[in-house]
Amino acid sequence: MSAFSERFKIRKPYDLLSEKERRAIHEGALDVMEKTGVRIHSAAARKDLKAAGAVVKEGSADVRFPRDVVADLLRLAPKELTLAGRTKEFDLPMTGDHFYTTMDGCGVAVWEAETNSRRESVLEDIRRTAVLGDWLPYLSIYEPMVVAHDVPEKVHVAMGVKTALENTSKHILSESTTNASEARAQVAMASEVLGGTEELRKRHLLSAMLCTISPLSVDGAASDAALVWAENHVPVHITGMAQTGVSGPASIAGDLVVNHAETLAVVSMLEAHEPGAPAIYGSVLSSMDPRTGAYMGSSPESDLLAIGSIEMAKYLGLPDSVGGYGSTAKVPGVQASLEHMLSAVVCANYGGEVVNGLGEPAGSTLLSYEQILLDHEIAAMIVKVYQGFRVDEDELAVDLIENVGIGGSYLAQRHTLERMRDISVPMLWDTSPYDQWAAKGKKDPMAVAREKTEWILKNHAPEPLPKGTIAQLDRIVKGLAKE
């Protein structure tokens, strides 16, 4: 295990649900899959599922799943995998005992703190955030964060992944793939970076999201893209987004039944197409505002839904990812940071291994460079807390306590000096007394975050790709544009 992945290793998480409660949700989902079914809009996926034993009627997109078929296909899905970096230094084993964080990937606007306003996102924002992600020590996975409004729509996704590949050595998560052509282009680019498609099958440099359409439906073009991912063993984060009372039952347990059924249906779809394809139980569930029906990410109910999805991933023994950020705050700052802290702590506490979405409040639509830094500070603190502490002879320090005695000082002791290197030091907030802080300009964390962002972008140069590889990536994107 690399020093990088070891940084994110935490102690054993807690459980919220009993085995009986998990089984009840699972059995409820199996009932729904068998009796109601799931609408799979991909003809290719339905053909695979029918061959595997699912019930598919001619002329219908609805698929019903006998329990034994689900069980047989589920057994084919790997229980552990490694999300690879460009180099092995940044490999991330998914073994159930880490707290990895990603950036978010739905941004359509960027917050400009100087003018207190929003602007359209552009490709340069992907480059800049990839450089930031490459440098930030507690950011595990980079996700192209915004829609690049300054490039043609047909190559939005491919250009985002290309820019990410050029500007970070960390694992890349692609969020918004809409069709098989986009998926093939991304596979070709990642293969080019690693040295071939067979190498990509072994080293998962790229993973991708497939979002279900709750309740109980999966888009056809997105499913076809997922089949391309499966063929090339690109891990698929199966991302259900059922909202209580809107696209799922108003009860938390009922919403989890819908999500679990959708997730099992997609796992079955992937394994029927490519046995052994890596699948990740990834959910971003939410509650609604009872007054308006609006999305409420990071609410207490949304946090309970996150816990529930983590619990069900544990029940299946699948790797899991979960939406642990995603505040509905309209702007970066206090509300977004408080909600992100609570949600991320909840995920760490109950075993969410990949926790998604640093840096984008407003329901994951608004990129804020300041919020990236604030959320990174949150991630660093959570990792430190959930690593726990050792209790052994050296750490108990009984002999040292006796030597220092009553009224002595530990400041000059070697024991103290050795442990100072491991003390957490905040990147953004000043720990000095008020007078010293005031003399330095009374900068609040948002101002410090802006300054730190510019320092990173000015001073950090990601490991470049070979020029020949970049030329090949350009060729792949141009080929997609001509299709």
Protein backbone atom coordinates (compact mmCIF):
# COMPACT_ATOMS: atom_id res chain seq x y z
CA MET A 1 0.00 0.00 0.00
CA SER A 2 1.38 3.43 -0.96
CA ALA A 3 2.00 6.17 1.58
CA PHE A 4 -0.70 8.17 -0.22
CA SER A 5 -3.48 5.61 0.28
CA GLU A 6 -2.24 4.86 3.81
CA ARG A 7 -2.91 8.52 4.62
CA PHE A 8 -6.66 7.86 4.23
CA LYS A 9 -6.87 4.63 6.21
CA ILE A 10 -9.25 4.88 9.17
CA ARG A 11 -10.39 2.66 12.00
CA LYS A 12 -13.31 0.26 11.76
CA PRO A 13 -16.58 2.14 11.08
CA TYR A 14 -19.78 1.78 13.05
CA ASP A 15 -23.04 0.17 11.93
CA LEU A 16 -26.44 1.84 12.18
CA LEU A 17 -28.72 -0.91 10.89
CA SER A 18 -28.97 -4.42 12.26
CA GLU A 19 -28.49 -7.39 9.96
CA LYS A 20 -32.25 -7.94 10.15
CA GLU A 21 -32.96 -4.37 9.02
CA ARG A 22 -30.51 -4.60 6.13
CA ARG A 23 -32.05 -7.89 5.05
CA ALA A 24 -35.56 -6.34 5.16
CA ILE A 25 -34.48 -3.55 2.75
CA HIS A 26 -32.78 -6.10 0.50
CA GLU A 27 -35.80 -8.39 0.45
CA GLY A 28 -38.09 -5.43 -0.24
CA ALA A 29 -35.94 -4.46 -3.23
CA LEU A 30 -35.95 -8.03 -4.56
CA ASP A 31 -39.77 -8.07 -4.32
CA VAL A 32 -39.92 -4.83 -6.33
CA MET A 33 -37.49 -6.18 -8.94
CA GLU A 34 -39.41 -9.42 -9.34
CA LYS A 35 -42.97 -8.08 -9.34
CA THR A 36 -42.72 -4.48 -10.63
CA GLY A 37 -39.40 -4.60 -12.43
CA VAL A 38 -37.01 -1.88 -13.59
CA ARG A 39 -37.31 -0.06 -16.91
CA ILE A 40 -34.05 -0.53 -18.85
CA HIS A 41 -34.12 1.67 -21.95
CA SER A 42 -31.11 -0.02 -23.60
CA ALA A 43 -32.00 -2.81 -26.04
CA ALA A 44 -28.47 -4.21 -25.75
CA ALA A 45 -28.70 -4.38 -21.97
CA ARG A 46 -32.14 -6.03 -22.12
CA LYS A 47 -30.78 -8.65 -24.53
CA ASP A 48 -27.97 -9.50 -22.08
CA LEU A 49 -30.38 -9.66 -19.15
CA LYS A 50 -32.81 -11.90 -21.00
CA ALA A 51 -29.97 -14.29 -21.83
CA ALA A 52 -29.07 -14.33 -18.12
CA GLY A 53 -32.63 -15.33 -17.14
CA ALA A 54 -34.41 -12.01 -16.54
CA VAL A 55 -37.97 -11.65 -17.81
CA VAL A 56 -38.17 -9.29 -20.80
CA LYS A 57 -41.36 -8.96 -22.83
CA GLU A 58 -41.14 -8.22 -26.53
CA GLY A 59 -41.81 -4.55 -27.22
CA SER A 60 -41.37 -3.49 -23.58
CA ALA A 61 -38.43 -1.88 -21.80
CA ASP A 62 -39.54 -3.24 -18.43
CA VAL A 63 -37.36 -6.01 -17.04
CA ARG A 64 -38.34 -8.25 -14.15
CA PHE A 65 -35.62 -9.97 -12.17
CA PRO A 66 -36.12 -13.40 -10.57
CA ARG A 67 -34.28 -13.60 -7.26
CA ASP A 68 -31.96 -16.39 -8.32
CA VAL A 69 -30.89 -14.41 -11.40
CA VAL A 70 -29.98 -11.39 -9.24
CA ALA A 71 -28.06 -13.61 -6.80
CA ASP A 72 -26.12 -15.33 -9.61
CA LEU A 73 -25.15 -12.07 -11.30
CA LEU A 74 -24.29 -10.33 -8.02
CA ARG A 75 -21.78 -13.08 -7.24
CA LEU A 76 -19.81 -12.11 -10.36
CA ALA A 77 -19.14 -8.53 -9.19
CA PRO A 78 -15.70 -8.01 -7.57
CA LYS A 79 -15.85 -7.34 -3.84
CA GLU A 80 -12.63 -5.32 -3.79
CA LEU A 81 -10.83 -3.21 -6.37
CA THR A 82 -8.18 -0.52 -6.66
CA LEU A 83 -8.84 2.89 -8.19
CA ALA A 84 -5.50 3.54 -9.87
CA GLY A 85 -3.57 6.74 -10.30
CA ARG A 86 -1.42 7.51 -13.31
CA THR A 87 1.41 6.11 -11.18
CA LYS A 88 1.12 3.49 -8.45
CA GLU A 89 1.93 6.15 -5.85
CA PHE A 90 -1.68 7.36 -6.16
CA ASP A 91 -3.42 3.96 -6.21
CA LEU A 92 -6.44 3.73 -3.88
CA PRO A 93 -7.35 0.22 -2.65
CA MET A 94 -11.08 -0.05 -1.92
CA THR A 95 -10.98 -2.50 0.96
CA GLY A 96 -13.59 -0.88 3.20
CA ASP A 97 -11.24 0.89 5.60
CA HIS A 98 -10.46 4.28 4.02
CA PHE A 99 -11.95 7.74 3.75
CA TYR A 100 -11.27 8.91 0.20
CA THR A 101 -12.65 12.20 -1.11
CA THR A 102 -13.47 13.41 -4.60
CA MET A 103 -14.27 16.77 -6.06
CA ASP A 104 -17.74 17.24 -7.55
CA GLY A 105 -18.70 17.23 -11.21
CA CYS A 106 -22.01 18.96 -11.93
CA GLY A 107 -20.98 22.62 -11.93
CA VAL A 108 -22.51 24.97 -14.48
CA ALA A 109 -21.34 28.22 -12.88
CA VAL A 110 -18.39 29.60 -10.91
CA TRP A 111 -18.52 31.85 -7.84
CA GLU A 112 -16.54 35.07 -8.15
CA ALA A 113 -15.95 36.22 -4.58
CA GLU A 114 -14.54 39.61 -5.57
CA THR A 115 -17.78 40.64 -7.29
CA ASN A 116 -20.15 38.50 -5.20
CA SER A 117 -21.58 37.02 -8.39
CA ARG A 118 -21.69 33.94 -10.64
CA ARG A 119 -20.22 33.43 -14.09
CA GLU A 120 -20.38 30.64 -16.68
CA SER A 121 -17.87 27.84 -16.20
CA VAL A 122 -15.20 27.25 -18.86
CA LEU A 123 -12.53 24.67 -19.70
CA GLU A 124 -9.87 26.68 -17.86
CA ASP A 125 -11.78 26.00 -14.65
CA ILE A 126 -11.28 22.28 -15.20
CA ARG A 127 -7.57 22.81 -15.75
CA ARG A 128 -7.23 24.98 -12.66
CA THR A 129 -9.20 22.65 -10.40
CA ALA A 130 -7.24 19.63 -11.70
CA VAL A 131 -3.99 21.37 -10.73
CA LEU A 132 -5.46 22.16 -7.31
CA GLY A 133 -6.62 18.57 -6.90
CA ASP A 134 -3.21 17.26 -7.88
CA TRP A 135 -1.58 19.35 -5.13
CA LEU A 136 -4.09 19.04 -2.28
CA PRO A 137 -2.80 16.33 0.08
CA TYR A 138 -6.23 15.16 1.34
CA LEU A 139 -7.98 15.14 -2.04
CA SER A 140 -7.94 11.52 -3.23
CA ILE A 141 -9.75 11.58 -6.59
CA TYR A 142 -10.18 14.27 -9.22
CA GLU A 143 -13.50 14.74 -11.00
CA PRO A 144 -13.83 17.29 -13.83
CA MET A 145 -15.86 19.83 -11.89
CA VAL A 146 -17.80 21.87 -14.42
CA VAL A 147 -19.39 22.02 -17.83
CA ALA A 148 -16.98 23.81 -20.18
CA HIS A 149 -19.34 26.23 -21.91
CA ASP A 150 -16.56 27.39 -24.25
CA VAL A 151 -16.19 24.04 -26.06
CA PRO A 152 -18.74 22.29 -28.31
CA GLU A 153 -21.36 20.33 -26.42
CA LYS A 154 -20.48 17.11 -28.23
CA VAL A 155 -17.00 17.08 -26.66
CA HIS A 156 -17.84 18.56 -23.22
CA VAL A 157 -17.17 15.31 -21.36
CA ALA A 158 -14.19 14.16 -23.43
CA MET A 159 -12.45 17.54 -23.16
CA GLY A 160 -12.99 17.54 -19.42
CA VAL A 161 -11.38 14.11 -19.01
CA LYS A 162 -8.56 15.00 -21.42
CA THR A 163 -7.79 18.14 -19.41
CA ALA A 164 -7.86 16.11 -16.19
CA LEU A 165 -5.48 13.49 -17.60
CA GLU A 166 -3.06 16.25 -18.53
CA ASN A 167 -3.13 18.03 -15.17
CA THR A 168 -3.26 15.43 -12.41
CA SER A 169 -1.65 12.08 -11.63
CA LYS A 170 -4.51 11.07 -9.31
CA HIS A 171 -7.43 8.79 -10.16
CA ILE A 172 -10.08 10.40 -12.37
CA LEU A 173 -13.84 9.98 -11.94
CA SER A 174 -15.96 10.93 -14.96
CA GLU A 175 -19.48 11.95 -14.02
CA SER A 176 -21.61 13.10 -16.94
CA THR A 177 -21.12 10.60 -19.78
CA THR A 178 -24.31 10.48 -21.86
CA ASN A 179 -23.63 7.96 -24.65
CA ALA A 180 -21.43 5.10 -25.81
CA SER A 181 -19.32 7.28 -28.15
CA GLU A 182 -18.26 9.51 -25.23
CA ALA A 183 -17.42 6.41 -23.18
CA ARG A 184 -15.31 4.92 -25.98
CA ALA A 185 -13.40 8.17 -26.36
CA GLN A 186 -12.61 8.27 -22.65
CA VAL A 187 -11.54 4.61 -22.67
CA ALA A 188 -9.25 5.35 -25.62
CA MET A 189 -7.66 8.32 -23.82
CA ALA A 190 -7.10 6.48 -20.54
CA SER A 191 -5.68 3.52 -22.48
CA GLU A 192 -3.33 5.86 -24.30
CA VAL A 193 -2.02 7.22 -21.01
CA LEU A 194 -1.52 3.74 -19.51
CA GLY A 195 -0.18 2.03 -22.61
CA GLY A 196 -3.13 0.06 -23.97
CA THR A 197 -6.62 -1.24 -23.26
CA GLU A 198 -5.34 -4.38 -21.56
CA GLU A 199 -3.39 -2.22 -19.13
CA LEU A 200 -6.55 -0.19 -18.45
CA ARG A 201 -8.42 -3.41 -17.61
CA LYS A 202 -5.75 -4.15 -15.01
CA ARG A 203 -5.23 -0.60 -13.71
CA HIS A 204 -8.44 1.37 -13.21
CA LEU A 205 -7.11 4.87 -13.91
CA LEU A 206 -10.62 5.96 -14.84
CA SER A 207 -13.97 5.28 -13.18
CA ALA A 208 -17.35 6.60 -14.23
CA MET A 209 -20.83 7.34 -12.93
CA LEU A 210 -24.10 5.91 -14.21
CA CYS A 211 -27.01 7.81 -12.69
CA THR A 212 -30.32 5.96 -12.55
CA ILE A 213 -33.59 7.77 -13.24
CA SER A 214 -35.65 7.27 -10.12
CA PRO A 215 -38.01 5.67 -9.65
CA LEU A 216 -36.93 2.37 -11.22
CA SER A 217 -35.62 3.46 -14.60
CA VAL A 218 -32.25 3.56 -16.37
CA ASP A 219 -31.55 5.75 -19.41
CA GLY A 220 -30.81 3.93 -22.64
CA ALA A 221 -27.84 5.92 -23.97
CA ALA A 222 -26.25 6.09 -20.51
CA SER A 223 -26.74 2.31 -20.16
CA ASP A 224 -25.02 1.77 -23.51
CA ALA A 225 -22.13 3.89 -22.21
CA ALA A 226 -22.04 1.74 -19.06
CA LEU A 227 -21.73 -1.38 -21.21
CA VAL A 228 -18.63 0.16 -22.80
CA TRP A 229 -17.26 0.82 -19.31
CA ALA A 230 -18.00 -2.80 -18.36
CA GLU A 231 -16.27 -4.23 -21.44
CA ASN A 232 -13.12 -2.33 -20.50
CA HIS A 233 -13.41 -2.98 -16.74
CA VAL A 234 -13.79 0.70 -15.95
CA PRO A 235 -15.43 0.74 -12.48
CA VAL A 236 -18.99 2.10 -12.59
CA HIS A 237 -20.30 4.14 -9.66
CA ILE A 238 -24.01 3.22 -9.78
CA THR A 239 -25.45 6.51 -8.58
CA GLY A 240 -29.08 6.42 -7.54
CA MET A 241 -30.61 9.80 -6.71
CA ALA A 242 -34.09 8.93 -5.41
CA GLN A 243 -35.54 11.93 -3.55
CA THR A 244 -37.89 11.16 -0.68
CA GLY A 245 -41.49 11.99 -1.50
CA VAL A 246 -40.68 12.87 -5.12
CA SER A 247 -38.88 10.03 -6.92
CA GLY A 248 -38.97 7.65 -3.96
CA PRO A 249 -41.25 7.04 -0.97
CA ALA A 250 -41.26 9.74 1.69
CA SER A 251 -39.90 7.26 4.24
CA ILE A 252 -36.16 6.75 4.48
CA ALA A 253 -36.47 2.95 4.42
CA GLY A 254 -38.78 3.10 1.39
CA ASP A 255 -36.42 5.41 -0.51
CA LEU A 256 -33.60 2.96 0.23
CA VAL A 257 -35.69 0.10 -1.22
CA VAL A 258 -36.06 2.02 -4.51
CA ASN A 259 -32.35 2.86 -4.57
CA HIS A 260 -31.34 -0.71 -3.74
CA ALA A 261 -33.54 -2.14 -6.49
CA GLU A 262 -32.07 0.29 -9.05
CA THR A 263 -28.54 -0.50 -7.92
CA LEU A 264 -29.06 -4.27 -8.09
CA ALA A 265 -30.61 -3.90 -11.54
CA VAL A 266 -27.57 -2.05 -12.86
CA VAL A 267 -25.13 -4.48 -11.21
CA SER A 268 -27.07 -7.28 -12.92
CA MET A 269 -26.94 -5.40 -16.22
CA LEU A 270 -23.17 -4.92 -16.03
CA GLU A 271 -22.42 -8.50 -15.00
CA ALA A 272 -24.76 -9.97 -17.63
CA HIS A 273 -22.79 -8.05 -20.25
CA GLU A 274 -19.27 -8.57 -18.87
CA PRO A 275 -18.86 -11.04 -16.00
CA GLY A 276 -16.43 -9.63 -13.44
CA ALA A 277 -16.97 -6.00 -14.44
CA PRO A 278 -16.23 -3.79 -11.40
CA ALA A 279 -19.33 -2.15 -9.92
CA ILE A 280 -19.44 0.36 -7.08
CA TYR A 281 -22.54 0.91 -4.92
CA GLY A 282 -22.66 4.68 -5.29
CA SER A 283 -25.65 6.69 -4.08
CA VAL A 284 -26.51 10.38 -3.79
CA LEU A 285 -29.91 10.30 -2.11
CA SER A 286 -31.75 13.33 -0.82
CA SER A 287 -34.81 14.60 0.98
CA MET A 288 -37.20 17.33 -0.14
CA ASP A 289 -38.28 20.58 1.42
CA PRO A 290 -41.84 19.79 2.60
CA ARG A 291 -42.89 23.36 1.88
CA THR A 292 -41.76 23.48 -1.77
CA GLY A 293 -40.59 20.02 -2.88
CA ALA A 294 -37.12 21.46 -3.48
CA TYR A 295 -33.94 19.37 -3.25
CA MET A 296 -32.36 19.34 0.22
CA GLY A 297 -28.88 17.84 0.05
CA SER A 298 -26.97 17.64 3.33
CA SER A 299 -30.16 17.70 5.42
CA PRO A 300 -30.32 15.32 8.41
CA GLU A 301 -32.64 13.07 6.37
CA SER A 302 -30.21 13.10 3.45
CA ASP A 303 -27.44 12.14 5.85
CA LEU A 304 -29.53 9.20 7.10
CA LEU A 305 -30.11 8.16 3.49
CA ALA A 306 -26.34 8.28 2.92
CA ILE A 307 -25.84 6.02 5.93
CA GLY A 308 -28.52 3.67 4.64
CA SER A 309 -26.88 3.34 1.23
CA ILE A 310 -23.51 2.65 2.90
CA GLU A 311 -25.17 -0.02 5.04
CA MET A 312 -26.65 -1.70 1.98
CA ALA A 313 -23.30 -1.68 0.17
CA LYS A 314 -21.87 -3.46 3.22
CA TYR A 315 -24.73 -5.97 3.08
CA LEU A 316 -23.87 -6.84 -0.53
CA GLY A 317 -20.13 -6.73 0.12
CA LEU A 318 -19.62 -4.25 -2.72
CA PRO A 319 -17.22 -1.27 -2.74
CA ASP A 320 -19.15 1.91 -2.00
CA SER A 321 -19.13 5.58 -2.86
CA VAL A 322 -21.57 8.13 -1.51
CA GLY A 323 -22.56 11.76 -1.88
CA GLY A 324 -21.12 13.22 1.30
CA TYR A 325 -21.11 16.87 0.36
CA GLY A 326 -23.55 18.79 -1.91
CA SER A 327 -24.96 21.52 0.29
CA THR A 328 -27.97 23.50 -0.92
CA ALA A 329 -26.32 26.73 0.26
CA LYS A 330 -26.66 29.32 -2.51
CA VAL A 331 -23.11 30.60 -2.01
CA PRO A 332 -19.91 29.22 -0.47
CA GLY A 333 -19.15 29.85 3.18
CA VAL A 334 -20.68 29.11 6.56
CA GLN A 335 -23.80 27.09 5.63
CA ALA A 336 -22.01 25.03 3.00
CA SER A 337 -19.11 24.26 5.33
CA LEU A 338 -21.33 23.29 8.27
CA GLU A 339 -23.48 21.01 6.12
CA HIS A 340 -20.46 19.49 4.39
CA MET A 341 -18.76 18.82 7.72
CA LEU A 342 -21.78 17.01 9.17
CA SER A 343 -22.42 14.96 6.03
CA ALA A 344 -18.78 13.96 5.59
CA VAL A 345 -18.42 13.02 9.28
CA VAL A 346 -21.53 10.84 9.00
CA CYS A 347 -20.06 9.05 5.98
CA ALA A 348 -16.73 8.46 7.72
CA ASN A 349 -18.45 7.24 10.86
CA TYR A 350 -20.45 4.56 9.04
CA GLY A 351 -17.94 3.48 6.42
CA GLY A 352 -18.40 5.52 3.25
CA GLU A 353 -15.14 4.81 1.44
CA VAL A 354 -15.35 7.24 -1.50
CA VAL A 355 -17.08 10.43 -0.39
CA ASN A 356 -18.09 12.69 -3.23
CA GLY A 357 -18.20 16.27 -3.82
CA LEU A 358 -15.73 18.86 -2.52
CA GLY A 359 -16.10 22.42 -3.66
CA GLU A 360 -19.61 22.76 -5.14
CA PRO A 361 -22.52 24.09 -3.06
CA ALA A 362 -25.91 25.01 -4.56
CA GLY A 363 -26.76 21.35 -5.00
CA SER A 364 -23.44 20.54 -6.70
CA THR A 365 -23.93 23.15 -9.42
CA LEU A 366 -21.71 26.06 -8.30
CA LEU A 367 -17.92 25.75 -8.35
CA SER A 368 -16.21 27.75 -5.62
CA TYR A 369 -12.43 27.77 -5.41
CA GLU A 370 -12.72 28.94 -1.80
CA GLN A 371 -15.09 26.09 -0.93
CA ILE A 372 -12.66 23.54 -2.39
CA LEU A 373 -10.07 24.67 0.14
CA LEU A 374 -12.59 24.79 3.00
CA ASP A 375 -13.87 21.30 2.20
CA HIS A 376 -10.32 20.01 1.93
CA GLU A 377 -9.69 21.33 5.44
CA ILE A 378 -12.76 19.39 6.58
CA ALA A 379 -11.49 16.20 4.92
CA ALA A 380 -8.09 16.53 6.61
CA MET A 381 -9.69 16.90 10.04
CA ILE A 382 -12.02 13.95 9.51
CA VAL A 383 -9.18 11.65 8.45
CA LYS A 384 -7.20 12.64 11.54
CA VAL A 385 -10.12 12.00 13.91
CA TYR A 386 -11.13 8.66 12.38
CA GLN A 387 -7.61 7.32 12.32
CA GLY A 388 -7.89 7.29 16.11
CA PHE A 389 -4.82 7.03 18.31
CA ARG A 390 -2.49 4.35 19.58
CA VAL A 391 -2.50 3.00 23.11
CA ASP A 392 0.81 1.24 23.80
CA GLU A 393 3.79 1.61 26.13
CA ASP A 394 5.37 4.46 24.15
CA GLU A 395 2.14 6.40 23.89
CA LEU A 396 1.11 5.92 27.52
CA ALA A 397 4.46 7.53 28.46
CA VAL A 398 4.26 6.50 32.12
CA ASP A 399 8.06 6.69 32.63
CA LEU A 400 8.14 10.15 31.06
CA ILE A 401 5.34 11.36 33.32
CA GLU A 402 7.27 10.11 36.36
CA ASN A 403 10.49 11.81 35.16
CA VAL A 404 8.87 15.18 34.51
CA GLY A 405 7.01 14.95 37.79
CA ILE A 406 4.56 17.37 39.36
CA GLY A 407 4.66 20.91 37.94
CA GLY A 408 7.25 20.13 35.25
CA SER A 409 7.13 20.84 31.51
CA TYR A 410 7.04 18.46 28.54
CA LEU A 411 8.02 21.12 26.02
CA ALA A 412 11.71 20.24 25.82
CA GLN A 413 11.25 16.46 25.89
CA ARG A 414 12.29 14.35 22.86
CA HIS A 415 8.95 12.53 23.18
CA THR A 416 7.23 15.86 22.44
CA LEU A 417 9.55 16.76 19.59
CA GLU A 418 8.98 13.41 17.86
CA ARG A 419 5.21 13.81 17.97
CA MET A 420 5.03 17.41 16.81
CA ARG A 421 5.44 16.25 13.20
CA ASP A 422 2.08 14.48 13.41
CA ILE A 423 0.10 17.35 14.94
CA SER A 424 -2.59 18.72 12.61
CA VAL A 425 -1.89 22.27 11.45
CA PRO A 426 -4.78 24.06 9.70
CA MET A 427 -4.11 25.42 6.24
CA LEU A 428 -6.67 28.22 6.36
CA TRP A 429 -7.33 29.43 9.90
CA ASP A 430 -4.87 31.37 11.98
CA THR A 431 -4.17 29.92 15.44
CA SER A 432 -2.20 32.91 16.73
CA PRO A 433 -3.59 35.33 19.39
CA TYR A 434 -6.03 38.03 18.30
CA ASP A 435 -3.49 40.88 18.26
CA GLN A 436 -1.11 38.95 16.00
CA TRP A 437 -3.96 37.92 13.70
CA ALA A 438 -5.17 41.53 13.52
CA ALA A 439 -1.67 42.77 12.72
CA LYS A 440 -1.59 40.39 9.75
CA GLY A 441 -4.72 41.96 8.26
CA LYS A 442 -7.63 40.16 10.01
CA LYS A 443 -8.00 37.77 7.09
CA ASP A 444 -10.93 35.38 7.32
CA PRO A 445 -10.66 31.80 5.98
CA MET A 446 -12.33 32.75 2.66
CA ALA A 447 -9.67 35.35 1.96
CA VAL A 448 -6.91 32.94 2.95
CA ALA A 449 -8.47 30.28 0.69
CA ARG A 450 -8.34 32.66 -2.28
CA GLU A 451 -4.70 33.45 -1.61
CA LYS A 452 -3.81 29.78 -1.14
CA THR A 453 -5.55 28.86 -4.38
CA GLU A 454 -3.51 31.37 -6.34
CA TRP A 455 -0.30 30.23 -4.61
CA ILE A 456 -0.95 26.60 -5.58
CA LEU A 457 -1.76 27.49 -9.18
CA LYS A 458 1.37 29.61 -9.46
CA ASN A 459 3.76 27.19 -7.77
CA HIS A 460 2.54 23.66 -8.50
CA ALA A 461 3.38 22.02 -11.83
CA PRO A 462 1.69 18.61 -12.26
CA GLU A 463 3.73 15.81 -13.79
CA PRO A 464 3.24 16.34 -17.55
CA LEU A 465 2.18 13.71 -20.03
CA PRO A 466 4.57 13.01 -22.92
CA LYS A 467 3.93 15.29 -25.91
CA GLY A 468 3.17 12.30 -28.09
CA THR A 469 0.47 11.15 -25.67
CA ILE A 470 -1.11 14.60 -25.62
CA ALA A 471 -1.19 14.59 -29.42
CA GLN A 472 -2.99 11.24 -29.35
CA LEU A 473 -5.55 12.56 -26.84
CA ASP A 474 -6.19 15.50 -29.16
CA ARG A 475 -6.70 13.08 -32.04
CA ILE A 476 -9.26 11.07 -30.03
CA VAL A 477 -11.28 14.15 -29.09
CA LYS A 478 -11.24 15.41 -32.70
CA GLY A 479 -12.45 11.99 -33.84
CA LEU A 480 -15.36 12.17 -31.42
CA ALA A 481 -16.27 15.64 -32.71
CA LYS A 482 -16.48 14.28 -36.27
CA GLU A 483 -18.75 11.31 -35.42
